[in-house]
Amino acid sequence: MSTEIPTDLQYTRDHEWIRIEGDTATVGVTHHAQSALGDVVFVELLEVGAKLEASEPFGTIESVKAVSEAYMPVGGEVIEVNDTLIDDPELINTEPYGDGWLIKVRVAAGAAALMSADAYEKYVDEIKH
């Protein structure tokens, strides 16, 4: 298992990670996603109170290479956004599984197809080749 893919999280095919604790979930982008993006220079996230279905976009991550959308791994309501990223967007590059998280969500119903760390690692290996 790669140290770049924590085993206590679940993952999506769009390279988001999710940590579900009770009815609350923290969401971010994976090490693979931030590496593919390059140096992140700007992040725009939906506001607290936004209600979304699984697979709907909740934010935009802009890097020196590209602009990419981040997608909801589960349906729910945004209860917190990581405002630190406004002034320090490179946290997504340096700490994608820590201080570089994007949003916290009160989980409603429905989830995108979530993968375990092992399944996500296999998926990333497949798309690299």
N, C-alpha and C. Protein backbone atom coordinates (compact mmCIF):
# COMPACT_ATOMS: atom_id res chain seq x y z
N MET A 1 0.85 -1.19 0.00
CA MET A 1 0.00 0.00 0.00
C MET A 1 0.89 1.24 0.00
N SER A 2 0.58 2.14 -0.88
CA SER A 2 1.33 3.38 -0.95
C SER A 2 1.03 4.26 0.26
N THR A 3 2.04 4.94 0.76
CA THR A 3 1.81 5.86 1.87
C THR A 3 1.04 7.09 1.37
N GLU A 4 0.91 7.24 0.06
CA GLU A 4 0.18 8.37 -0.50
C GLU A 4 -1.32 8.10 -0.56
N ILE A 5 -1.75 6.92 -0.12
CA ILE A 5 -3.17 6.57 -0.13
C ILE A 5 -3.54 6.03 1.25
N PRO A 6 -3.95 6.94 2.16
CA PRO A 6 -4.30 6.49 3.51
C PRO A 6 -5.43 5.45 3.49
N THR A 7 -5.29 4.44 4.34
CA THR A 7 -6.25 3.34 4.35
C THR A 7 -7.52 3.65 5.12
N ASP A 8 -7.55 4.75 5.89
CA ASP A 8 -8.73 5.06 6.69
C ASP A 8 -9.73 5.95 5.94
N LEU A 9 -9.50 6.15 4.65
CA LEU A 9 -10.39 6.99 3.84
C LEU A 9 -11.02 6.16 2.73
N GLN A 10 -12.06 6.75 2.09
CA GLN A 10 -12.64 6.16 0.90
C GLN A 10 -12.40 7.13 -0.25
N TYR A 11 -12.48 6.64 -1.48
CA TYR A 11 -12.07 7.41 -2.64
C TYR A 11 -13.07 7.31 -3.78
N THR A 12 -13.02 8.32 -4.68
CA THR A 12 -13.88 8.30 -5.87
C THR A 12 -13.01 8.20 -7.12
N ARG A 13 -13.64 7.87 -8.24
CA ARG A 13 -12.93 7.80 -9.51
C ARG A 13 -12.51 9.19 -9.99
N ASP A 14 -13.07 10.24 -9.39
CA ASP A 14 -12.68 11.62 -9.73
C ASP A 14 -11.55 12.12 -8.83
N HIS A 15 -10.99 11.24 -7.99
CA HIS A 15 -9.82 11.53 -7.15
C HIS A 15 -10.13 12.43 -5.95
N GLU A 16 -11.35 12.31 -5.42
CA GLU A 16 -11.64 12.92 -4.13
C GLU A 16 -11.52 11.84 -3.07
N TRP A 17 -11.18 12.27 -1.85
CA TRP A 17 -11.22 11.35 -0.72
C TRP A 17 -12.30 11.83 0.25
N ILE A 18 -12.78 10.90 1.06
CA ILE A 18 -13.81 11.23 2.04
C ILE A 18 -13.56 10.44 3.32
N ARG A 19 -13.72 11.15 4.44
CA ARG A 19 -13.65 10.52 5.75
C ARG A 19 -15.02 10.74 6.39
N ILE A 20 -15.77 9.67 6.59
CA ILE A 20 -17.11 9.76 7.16
C ILE A 20 -17.03 9.41 8.64
N GLU A 21 -17.52 10.35 9.47
CA GLU A 21 -17.56 10.15 10.92
C GLU A 21 -18.98 10.48 11.37
N GLY A 22 -19.77 9.43 11.64
CA GLY A 22 -21.17 9.64 11.98
C GLY A 22 -21.91 10.18 10.78
N ASP A 23 -22.59 11.34 10.94
CA ASP A 23 -23.32 11.93 9.82
C ASP A 23 -22.55 13.08 9.18
N THR A 24 -21.26 13.20 9.53
CA THR A 24 -20.43 14.26 9.00
C THR A 24 -19.29 13.65 8.19
N ALA A 25 -18.94 14.31 7.10
CA ALA A 25 -17.85 13.83 6.26
C ALA A 25 -16.93 14.98 5.89
N THR A 26 -15.64 14.70 5.88
CA THR A 26 -14.64 15.65 5.41
C THR A 26 -14.21 15.18 4.03
N VAL A 27 -14.07 16.14 3.10
CA VAL A 27 -13.76 15.82 1.70
C VAL A 27 -12.54 16.61 1.24
N GLY A 28 -11.69 15.96 0.48
CA GLY A 28 -10.54 16.63 -0.12
C GLY A 28 -10.17 15.94 -1.42
N VAL A 29 -9.06 16.36 -2.00
CA VAL A 29 -8.57 15.70 -3.22
C VAL A 29 -7.34 14.88 -2.86
N THR A 30 -7.12 13.83 -3.62
CA THR A 30 -6.06 12.88 -3.32
C THR A 30 -4.68 13.42 -3.72
N HIS A 31 -3.67 12.73 -3.22
CA HIS A 31 -2.30 13.05 -3.59
C HIS A 31 -2.14 12.95 -5.11
N HIS A 32 -2.73 11.92 -5.71
CA HIS A 32 -2.65 11.76 -7.16
C HIS A 32 -3.24 12.98 -7.87
N ALA A 33 -4.38 13.46 -7.41
CA ALA A 33 -5.04 14.62 -8.04
C ALA A 33 -4.18 15.87 -7.93
N GLN A 34 -3.66 16.15 -6.73
CA GLN A 34 -2.87 17.36 -6.57
C GLN A 34 -1.58 17.27 -7.38
N SER A 35 -1.02 16.07 -7.48
CA SER A 35 0.20 15.88 -8.25
C SER A 35 -0.07 16.13 -9.74
N ALA A 36 -1.19 15.64 -10.24
CA ALA A 36 -1.55 15.84 -11.63
C ALA A 36 -1.85 17.32 -11.92
N LEU A 37 -2.45 18.00 -10.95
CA LEU A 37 -2.77 19.42 -11.13
C LEU A 37 -1.52 20.29 -11.17
N GLY A 38 -0.54 19.96 -10.36
CA GLY A 38 0.62 20.83 -10.21
C GLY A 38 0.36 21.85 -9.11
N ASP A 39 1.11 22.93 -9.12
CA ASP A 39 1.02 23.92 -8.05
C ASP A 39 -0.34 24.61 -8.04
N VAL A 40 -1.09 24.41 -6.95
CA VAL A 40 -2.41 25.01 -6.81
C VAL A 40 -2.25 26.48 -6.44
N VAL A 41 -2.97 27.35 -7.18
CA VAL A 41 -2.84 28.79 -6.96
C VAL A 41 -4.15 29.44 -6.50
N PHE A 42 -5.29 28.74 -6.66
CA PHE A 42 -6.57 29.33 -6.31
C PHE A 42 -7.59 28.23 -6.08
N VAL A 43 -8.45 28.43 -5.08
CA VAL A 43 -9.52 27.47 -4.78
C VAL A 43 -10.81 28.26 -4.60
N GLU A 44 -11.87 27.79 -5.23
CA GLU A 44 -13.20 28.38 -5.04
C GLU A 44 -14.14 27.27 -4.64
N LEU A 45 -14.79 27.44 -3.47
CA LEU A 45 -15.69 26.42 -2.94
C LEU A 45 -17.08 27.00 -2.74
N LEU A 46 -18.10 26.12 -2.79
CA LEU A 46 -19.46 26.56 -2.51
C LEU A 46 -19.56 27.04 -1.07
N GLU A 47 -20.59 27.80 -0.80
CA GLU A 47 -20.78 28.35 0.54
C GLU A 47 -21.45 27.35 1.46
N VAL A 48 -21.26 27.56 2.76
CA VAL A 48 -21.94 26.77 3.77
C VAL A 48 -23.45 26.86 3.52
N GLY A 49 -24.12 25.73 3.62
CA GLY A 49 -25.56 25.69 3.38
C GLY A 49 -25.93 25.12 2.02
N ALA A 50 -24.97 25.05 1.11
CA ALA A 50 -25.24 24.48 -0.22
C ALA A 50 -25.59 23.00 -0.06
N LYS A 51 -26.64 22.58 -0.78
CA LYS A 51 -27.07 21.18 -0.73
C LYS A 51 -26.84 20.58 -2.11
N LEU A 52 -26.15 19.43 -2.11
CA LEU A 52 -25.76 18.81 -3.37
C LEU A 52 -26.00 17.31 -3.34
N GLU A 53 -26.16 16.76 -4.52
CA GLU A 53 -26.24 15.31 -4.69
C GLU A 53 -24.84 14.77 -4.92
N ALA A 54 -24.66 13.47 -4.70
CA ALA A 54 -23.39 12.82 -5.01
C ALA A 54 -23.06 13.07 -6.48
N SER A 55 -21.79 13.29 -6.77
CA SER A 55 -21.23 13.52 -8.11
C SER A 55 -21.42 14.93 -8.65
N GLU A 56 -22.10 15.81 -7.90
CA GLU A 56 -22.22 17.20 -8.35
C GLU A 56 -20.96 17.98 -7.96
N PRO A 57 -20.55 18.96 -8.78
CA PRO A 57 -19.37 19.74 -8.44
C PRO A 57 -19.63 20.67 -7.25
N PHE A 58 -18.63 20.77 -6.37
CA PHE A 58 -18.76 21.66 -5.21
C PHE A 58 -17.68 22.73 -5.17
N GLY A 59 -16.77 22.68 -6.11
CA GLY A 59 -15.71 23.68 -6.10
C GLY A 59 -14.79 23.55 -7.29
N THR A 60 -13.92 24.55 -7.41
CA THR A 60 -12.96 24.60 -8.50
C THR A 60 -11.57 24.78 -7.90
N ILE A 61 -10.64 24.01 -8.44
CA ILE A 61 -9.24 24.10 -8.02
C ILE A 61 -8.44 24.53 -9.25
N GLU A 62 -7.75 25.66 -9.11
CA GLU A 62 -6.97 26.19 -10.23
C GLU A 62 -5.49 26.03 -9.91
N SER A 63 -4.76 25.49 -10.88
CA SER A 63 -3.32 25.34 -10.72
C SER A 63 -2.61 26.05 -11.85
N VAL A 64 -1.30 26.01 -11.83
CA VAL A 64 -0.54 26.63 -12.92
C VAL A 64 -0.78 25.91 -14.24
N LYS A 65 -1.24 24.65 -14.18
CA LYS A 65 -1.46 23.84 -15.38
C LYS A 65 -2.90 23.83 -15.87
N ALA A 66 -3.87 23.83 -14.94
CA ALA A 66 -5.25 23.56 -15.33
C ALA A 66 -6.23 24.06 -14.27
N VAL A 67 -7.51 24.04 -14.66
CA VAL A 67 -8.61 24.29 -13.73
C VAL A 67 -9.40 22.99 -13.66
N SER A 68 -9.69 22.53 -12.46
CA SER A 68 -10.38 21.26 -12.29
C SER A 68 -11.51 21.42 -11.28
N GLU A 69 -12.60 20.71 -11.53
CA GLU A 69 -13.71 20.74 -10.57
C GLU A 69 -13.54 19.62 -9.55
N ALA A 70 -14.05 19.86 -8.36
CA ALA A 70 -14.10 18.85 -7.31
C ALA A 70 -15.56 18.41 -7.19
N TYR A 71 -15.77 17.11 -7.04
CA TYR A 71 -17.12 16.54 -7.05
C TYR A 71 -17.47 15.91 -5.71
N MET A 72 -18.74 16.03 -5.34
CA MET A 72 -19.23 15.47 -4.08
C MET A 72 -19.19 13.94 -4.12
N PRO A 73 -18.53 13.32 -3.14
CA PRO A 73 -18.57 11.86 -3.06
C PRO A 73 -19.89 11.34 -2.49
N VAL A 74 -20.60 12.19 -1.76
CA VAL A 74 -21.89 11.83 -1.15
C VAL A 74 -22.85 12.99 -1.30
N GLY A 75 -24.12 12.72 -1.17
CA GLY A 75 -25.10 13.79 -1.12
C GLY A 75 -25.12 14.39 0.27
N GLY A 76 -25.38 15.70 0.33
CA GLY A 76 -25.46 16.32 1.64
C GLY A 76 -25.37 17.83 1.58
N GLU A 77 -25.25 18.43 2.76
CA GLU A 77 -25.21 19.88 2.90
C GLU A 77 -23.82 20.29 3.38
N VAL A 78 -23.26 21.30 2.72
CA VAL A 78 -21.96 21.83 3.13
C VAL A 78 -22.12 22.52 4.48
N ILE A 79 -21.37 22.08 5.49
CA ILE A 79 -21.47 22.68 6.83
C ILE A 79 -20.21 23.46 7.19
N GLU A 80 -19.14 23.28 6.42
CA GLU A 80 -17.92 24.04 6.67
C GLU A 80 -17.05 24.00 5.42
N VAL A 81 -16.41 25.12 5.13
CA VAL A 81 -15.43 25.17 4.03
C VAL A 81 -14.08 25.54 4.64
N ASN A 82 -13.04 25.06 4.03
CA ASN A 82 -11.69 25.33 4.53
C ASN A 82 -11.24 26.70 4.05
N ASP A 83 -11.58 27.74 4.82
CA ASP A 83 -11.24 29.12 4.45
C ASP A 83 -9.74 29.36 4.42
N THR A 84 -8.96 28.53 5.08
CA THR A 84 -7.50 28.68 5.06
C THR A 84 -6.97 28.61 3.62
N LEU A 85 -7.68 27.86 2.76
CA LEU A 85 -7.22 27.68 1.38
C LEU A 85 -7.31 28.96 0.56
N ILE A 86 -8.09 29.95 1.01
CA ILE A 86 -8.18 31.22 0.28
C ILE A 86 -6.81 31.88 0.23
N ASP A 87 -6.15 31.94 1.38
CA ASP A 87 -4.83 32.57 1.46
C ASP A 87 -3.69 31.58 1.27
N ASP A 88 -3.95 30.30 1.41
CA ASP A 88 -2.89 29.30 1.39
C ASP A 88 -3.32 28.08 0.55
N PRO A 89 -3.65 28.28 -0.75
CA PRO A 89 -4.16 27.17 -1.56
C PRO A 89 -3.16 26.04 -1.76
N GLU A 90 -1.87 26.34 -1.59
CA GLU A 90 -0.86 25.29 -1.79
C GLU A 90 -0.91 24.21 -0.72
N LEU A 91 -1.72 24.40 0.33
CA LEU A 91 -1.93 23.31 1.31
C LEU A 91 -2.47 22.07 0.63
N ILE A 92 -3.19 22.25 -0.48
CA ILE A 92 -3.70 21.09 -1.22
C ILE A 92 -2.53 20.27 -1.74
N ASN A 93 -1.43 20.93 -2.13
CA ASN A 93 -0.25 20.22 -2.60
C ASN A 93 0.55 19.61 -1.46
N THR A 94 0.71 20.36 -0.38
CA THR A 94 1.60 19.91 0.69
C THR A 94 0.93 18.98 1.70
N GLU A 95 -0.37 19.15 1.90
CA GLU A 95 -1.09 18.33 2.89
C GLU A 95 -2.47 17.94 2.37
N PRO A 96 -2.53 17.18 1.25
CA PRO A 96 -3.85 16.87 0.69
C PRO A 96 -4.77 16.10 1.63
N TYR A 97 -4.22 15.31 2.54
CA TYR A 97 -5.04 14.52 3.47
C TYR A 97 -5.13 15.16 4.85
N GLY A 98 -4.50 16.32 5.02
CA GLY A 98 -4.50 16.99 6.32
C GLY A 98 -5.14 18.36 6.21
N ASP A 99 -4.33 19.41 6.41
CA ASP A 99 -4.84 20.78 6.40
C ASP A 99 -5.33 21.22 5.02
N GLY A 100 -5.09 20.44 3.98
CA GLY A 100 -5.55 20.78 2.64
C GLY A 100 -6.94 20.25 2.31
N TRP A 101 -7.70 19.82 3.32
CA TRP A 101 -9.09 19.37 3.08
C TRP A 101 -9.89 20.52 2.48
N LEU A 102 -11.01 20.19 1.81
CA LEU A 102 -11.80 21.21 1.12
C LEU A 102 -13.07 21.60 1.86
N ILE A 103 -13.93 20.62 2.12
CA ILE A 103 -15.22 20.92 2.75
C ILE A 103 -15.58 19.84 3.76
N LYS A 104 -16.53 20.22 4.64
CA LYS A 104 -17.17 19.25 5.53
C LYS A 104 -18.66 19.26 5.19
N VAL A 105 -19.24 18.08 5.21
CA VAL A 105 -20.61 17.89 4.73
C VAL A 105 -21.41 17.13 5.77
N ARG A 106 -22.67 17.52 5.96
CA ARG A 106 -23.61 16.70 6.71
C ARG A 106 -24.20 15.73 5.69
N VAL A 107 -23.90 14.47 5.86
CA VAL A 107 -24.25 13.45 4.88
C VAL A 107 -25.76 13.23 4.86
N ALA A 108 -26.32 13.29 3.66
CA ALA A 108 -27.75 13.00 3.48
C ALA A 108 -27.84 11.55 3.00
N ALA A 109 -28.22 11.38 1.75
CA ALA A 109 -28.36 10.03 1.22
C ALA A 109 -27.54 9.92 -0.05
N GLY A 110 -27.26 8.70 -0.40
CA GLY A 110 -26.60 8.44 -1.67
C GLY A 110 -25.12 8.74 -1.64
N ALA A 111 -24.38 7.91 -2.31
CA ALA A 111 -22.94 8.13 -2.43
C ALA A 111 -22.53 7.79 -3.84
N ALA A 112 -21.51 8.47 -4.32
CA ALA A 112 -20.90 8.07 -5.57
C ALA A 112 -20.26 6.70 -5.30
N ALA A 113 -19.78 6.05 -6.32
CA ALA A 113 -19.12 4.77 -6.12
C ALA A 113 -17.82 5.01 -5.35
N LEU A 114 -17.84 4.66 -4.07
CA LEU A 114 -16.66 4.87 -3.23
C LEU A 114 -15.79 3.62 -3.24
N MET A 115 -14.48 3.85 -3.20
CA MET A 115 -13.52 2.76 -3.24
C MET A 115 -12.70 2.75 -1.95
N SER A 116 -12.25 1.57 -1.58
CA SER A 116 -11.30 1.44 -0.48
C SER A 116 -9.94 1.94 -0.97
N ALA A 117 -9.00 2.08 -0.05
CA ALA A 117 -7.65 2.50 -0.43
C ALA A 117 -7.02 1.51 -1.41
N ASP A 118 -7.20 0.21 -1.19
CA ASP A 118 -6.64 -0.80 -2.10
C ASP A 118 -7.24 -0.66 -3.50
N ALA A 119 -8.56 -0.51 -3.56
CA ALA A 119 -9.22 -0.39 -4.86
C ALA A 119 -8.79 0.89 -5.56
N TYR A 120 -8.65 1.98 -4.81
CA TYR A 120 -8.23 3.25 -5.41
C TYR A 120 -6.80 3.14 -5.94
N GLU A 121 -5.93 2.49 -5.17
CA GLU A 121 -4.54 2.33 -5.63
C GLU A 121 -4.49 1.56 -6.94
N LYS A 122 -5.29 0.50 -7.06
CA LYS A 122 -5.35 -0.27 -8.31
C LYS A 122 -5.88 0.60 -9.44
N TYR A 123 -6.90 1.39 -9.17
CA TYR A 123 -7.47 2.29 -10.18
C TYR A 123 -6.42 3.29 -10.68
N VAL A 124 -5.68 3.91 -9.78
CA VAL A 124 -4.65 4.88 -10.16
C VAL A 124 -3.57 4.20 -10.99
N ASP A 125 -3.17 2.98 -10.59
CA ASP A 125 -2.16 2.24 -11.36
C ASP A 125 -2.67 1.97 -12.78
N GLU A 126 -3.96 1.62 -12.91
CA GLU A 126 -4.53 1.35 -14.24
C GLU A 126 -4.52 2.58 -15.13
N ILE A 127 -4.89 3.73 -14.57
CA ILE A 127 -4.98 4.93 -15.42
C ILE A 127 -3.62 5.52 -15.74
N LYS A 128 -2.59 5.14 -14.98
CA LYS A 128 -1.24 5.61 -15.27
C LYS A 128 -0.65 4.88 -16.47
N HIS A 129 -1.16 3.68 -16.76
CA HIS A 129 -0.56 2.86 -17.83
C HIS A 129 -1.36 2.90 -19.09
